[in-house]
Amino acid sequence: MNRILFILMFSCVLFSCKNKEQNTSNINNMASENINNNENAVEGISNISTQGITIKKINIESALASIDELWKLKEIGKVNNHILKMVKLKGDFEMHKHDNGDKLFYVAEGTLFIEFPDKKIIEIKQGECVIIPGNTEHKPFSPEGVSLMMFERE
C-alpha cells in the first residue's frame, strides 16, 4: 500500500475539492458542522471551508462512540480513490477475499483476530494495524468485540 496514503489516513485531516467559485465570505465562517445528515451519520466529523476547498476533520473517539450497531460499516472519508470506514464487530465473519485491492485494518479499541485458510490466526491489538493483500482469503473475528478503521479502494 502506498505509504503516503497510510500517513494521510492517520493524520485524520482529509481534503476534498469543493466548488472553486465558492463565495470567499465562507472562509470567515469556519464553523464546524456535521456533514452526515442521514441514517449513516457519524459524529465527530466536521467540514472546514477555506480557500475554496473543504477540509474534513475527524475525531476518531467521537466517531467510534457514535456507532452503536455491530457489523454496519460507516464511511467517514475518502482519500483519492480510497475509502476510510469505521465499524464495530463482535463474533465471526465468513471467510472471504477482496478482489479490488489491499485492505488495511487499524484496531482502535479491542483485539481483532484474522484466520486464514491454512488455519493460521494472527492477533491485532489496539493501536496496531494489518494490511491484507488483495485476493487473500481471510476471516476476521473478535470474541470480545473490536472497533476498527478500514482503508480500502473504492
Protein backbone atom coordinates (compact mmCIF):
# COMPACT_ATOMS: atom_id res chain seq x y z
CA MET A 1 0.00 0.00 0.00
CA ASN A 2 1.24 3.45 -0.80
CA ARG A 3 2.98 4.90 2.31
CA ILE A 4 1.61 8.36 1.62
CA LEU A 5 -1.99 7.11 1.75
CA PHE A 6 -1.24 5.34 5.02
CA ILE A 7 0.14 8.55 6.54
CA LEU A 8 -2.83 10.55 5.29
CA MET A 9 -5.27 8.15 6.91
CA PHE A 10 -3.74 8.60 10.33
CA SER A 11 -3.42 12.36 10.04
CA CYS A 12 -7.25 12.41 10.14
CA VAL A 13 -7.38 15.54 8.00
CA LEU A 14 -8.82 14.66 4.64
CA PHE A 15 -9.01 17.04 1.73
CA SER A 16 -11.76 17.06 -0.85
CA CYS A 17 -12.40 19.53 -3.61
CA LYS A 18 -15.41 21.78 -3.29
CA ASN A 19 -16.87 24.46 -5.53
CA LYS A 20 -13.93 26.60 -6.61
CA GLU A 21 -16.30 29.55 -7.13
CA GLN A 22 -17.46 29.38 -3.52
CA ASN A 23 -18.05 32.79 -2.00
CA THR A 24 -14.93 33.85 -0.07
CA SER A 25 -17.09 35.08 2.79
CA ASN A 26 -17.41 31.41 3.77
CA ILE A 27 -13.74 31.46 4.70
CA ASN A 28 -14.57 33.80 7.57
CA ASN A 29 -17.30 31.44 8.78
CA MET A 30 -15.16 28.44 9.63
CA ALA A 31 -17.78 26.89 11.88
CA SER A 32 -17.69 23.14 12.13
CA GLU A 33 -20.77 21.25 11.00
CA ASN A 34 -21.80 17.63 10.93
CA ILE A 35 -21.61 16.58 7.29
CA ASN A 36 -23.60 13.36 7.51
CA ASN A 37 -27.28 14.25 7.74
CA ASN A 38 -28.64 10.77 7.11
CA GLU A 39 -29.17 7.46 8.84
CA ASN A 40 -25.47 6.63 8.47
CA ALA A 41 -24.39 9.78 10.31
CA VAL A 42 -21.23 9.53 12.34
CA GLU A 43 -20.47 12.12 14.99
CA GLY A 44 -17.05 13.70 15.27
CA ILE A 45 -16.77 14.68 11.60
CA SER A 46 -16.70 18.32 10.62
CA ASN A 47 -16.06 20.29 7.45
CA ILE A 48 -13.98 23.45 7.45
CA SER A 49 -14.06 25.60 4.32
CA THR A 50 -11.05 27.66 3.35
CA GLN A 51 -9.61 28.96 0.09
CA GLY A 52 -12.30 27.26 -1.99
CA ILE A 53 -11.66 23.77 -0.61
CA THR A 54 -13.17 21.73 2.17
CA ILE A 55 -11.03 20.14 4.84
CA LYS A 56 -12.59 17.21 6.67
CA LYS A 57 -11.60 16.88 10.31
CA ILE A 58 -12.35 13.59 12.09
CA ASN A 59 -12.40 12.98 15.83
CA ILE A 60 -11.82 9.23 15.93
CA GLU A 61 -13.06 8.75 19.52
CA SER A 62 -16.31 10.65 18.89
CA ALA A 63 -16.90 8.87 15.60
CA LEU A 64 -16.46 5.46 17.23
CA ALA A 65 -18.67 6.41 20.18
CA SER A 66 -21.50 7.30 17.77
CA ILE A 67 -21.52 3.82 16.21
CA ASP A 68 -23.97 1.67 18.13
CA GLU A 69 -24.77 -1.06 15.61
CA LEU A 70 -22.42 -4.02 15.14
CA TRP A 71 -21.23 -5.05 11.67
CA LYS A 72 -22.54 -1.86 9.99
CA LEU A 73 -19.79 -0.08 8.07
CA LYS A 74 -19.74 3.71 8.33
CA GLU A 75 -17.89 5.69 5.67
CA ILE A 76 -16.07 8.60 7.28
CA GLY A 77 -13.93 9.92 4.46
CA LYS A 78 -12.23 9.47 1.11
CA VAL A 79 -8.64 9.96 0.05
CA ASN A 80 -8.07 9.86 -3.70
CA ASN A 81 -9.78 6.62 -4.75
CA HIS A 82 -9.74 5.06 -1.28
CA ILE A 83 -12.43 4.98 1.42
CA LEU A 84 -11.90 5.27 5.18
CA LYS A 85 -14.56 3.31 7.08
CA MET A 86 -15.30 2.55 10.73
CA VAL A 87 -17.07 -0.45 12.16
CA LYS A 88 -17.64 -2.29 15.43
CA LEU A 89 -17.51 -6.07 15.28
CA LYS A 90 -18.21 -8.89 17.69
CA GLY A 91 -18.21 -12.56 16.78
CA ASP A 92 -17.16 -14.17 13.49
CA PHE A 93 -17.38 -13.11 9.86
CA GLU A 94 -17.17 -15.50 6.93
CA MET A 95 -14.01 -16.45 5.06
CA HIS A 96 -13.76 -14.05 2.11
CA LYS A 97 -11.36 -12.07 -0.11
CA HIS A 98 -11.28 -8.65 -1.72
CA ASP A 99 -10.81 -8.58 -5.48
CA ASN A 100 -10.43 -4.81 -5.71
CA GLY A 101 -7.15 -4.47 -3.79
CA ASP A 102 -5.50 -4.49 -0.39
CA LYS A 103 -7.37 -3.73 2.83
CA LEU A 104 -5.93 -2.08 5.92
CA PHE A 105 -7.44 -2.83 9.33
CA TYR A 106 -6.50 -0.44 12.17
CA VAL A 107 -7.65 -1.56 15.64
CA ALA A 108 -8.86 1.49 17.56
CA GLU A 109 -10.27 -0.47 20.53
CA GLY A 110 -10.16 -4.15 21.47
CA THR A 111 -8.48 -7.03 19.68
CA LEU A 112 -9.06 -8.40 16.18
CA PHE A 113 -8.15 -11.89 15.08
CA ILE A 114 -7.82 -12.90 11.43
CA GLU A 115 -7.85 -16.53 10.38
CA PHE A 116 -6.52 -17.76 7.03
CA PRO A 117 -7.45 -20.92 5.07
CA ASP A 118 -4.40 -22.80 6.44
CA LYS A 119 -5.89 -22.19 9.97
CA LYS A 120 -3.13 -19.72 10.88
CA ILE A 121 -4.51 -16.93 13.08
CA ILE A 122 -2.97 -13.50 13.62
CA GLU A 123 -3.84 -11.20 16.52
CA ILE A 124 -4.05 -7.42 16.02
CA LYS A 125 -4.24 -5.42 19.26
CA GLN A 126 -5.37 -1.88 19.97
CA GLY A 127 -3.09 0.60 18.21
CA GLU A 128 -1.88 -1.96 15.65
CA CYS A 129 -2.83 -2.40 12.03
CA VAL A 130 -2.54 -5.12 9.43
CA ILE A 131 -2.63 -4.97 5.64
CA ILE A 132 -4.34 -7.89 3.93
CA PRO A 133 -3.20 -8.14 0.29
CA GLY A 134 -5.93 -8.27 -2.35
CA ASN A 135 -7.27 -11.72 -3.26
CA THR A 136 -6.14 -13.15 0.10
CA GLU A 137 -8.79 -15.24 1.81
CA HIS A 138 -9.30 -14.25 5.44
CA LYS A 139 -11.87 -14.45 8.23
CA PRO A 140 -11.94 -11.60 10.76
CA PHE A 141 -13.36 -12.29 14.21
CA SER A 142 -13.41 -10.85 17.70
CA PRO A 143 -14.94 -12.82 20.60
CA GLU A 144 -14.97 -9.78 22.93
CA GLY A 145 -15.64 -7.06 20.34
CA VAL A 146 -13.42 -4.64 18.43
CA SER A 147 -13.64 -1.15 16.91
CA LEU A 148 -11.87 -0.79 13.57
CA MET A 149 -10.92 1.71 10.94
CA MET A 150 -10.57 0.20 7.48
CA PHE A 151 -8.90 1.70 4.47
CA GLU A 152 -9.72 0.24 1.06
CA ARG A 153 -10.02 1.09 -2.61
CA GLU A 154 -13.43 2.29 -3.84
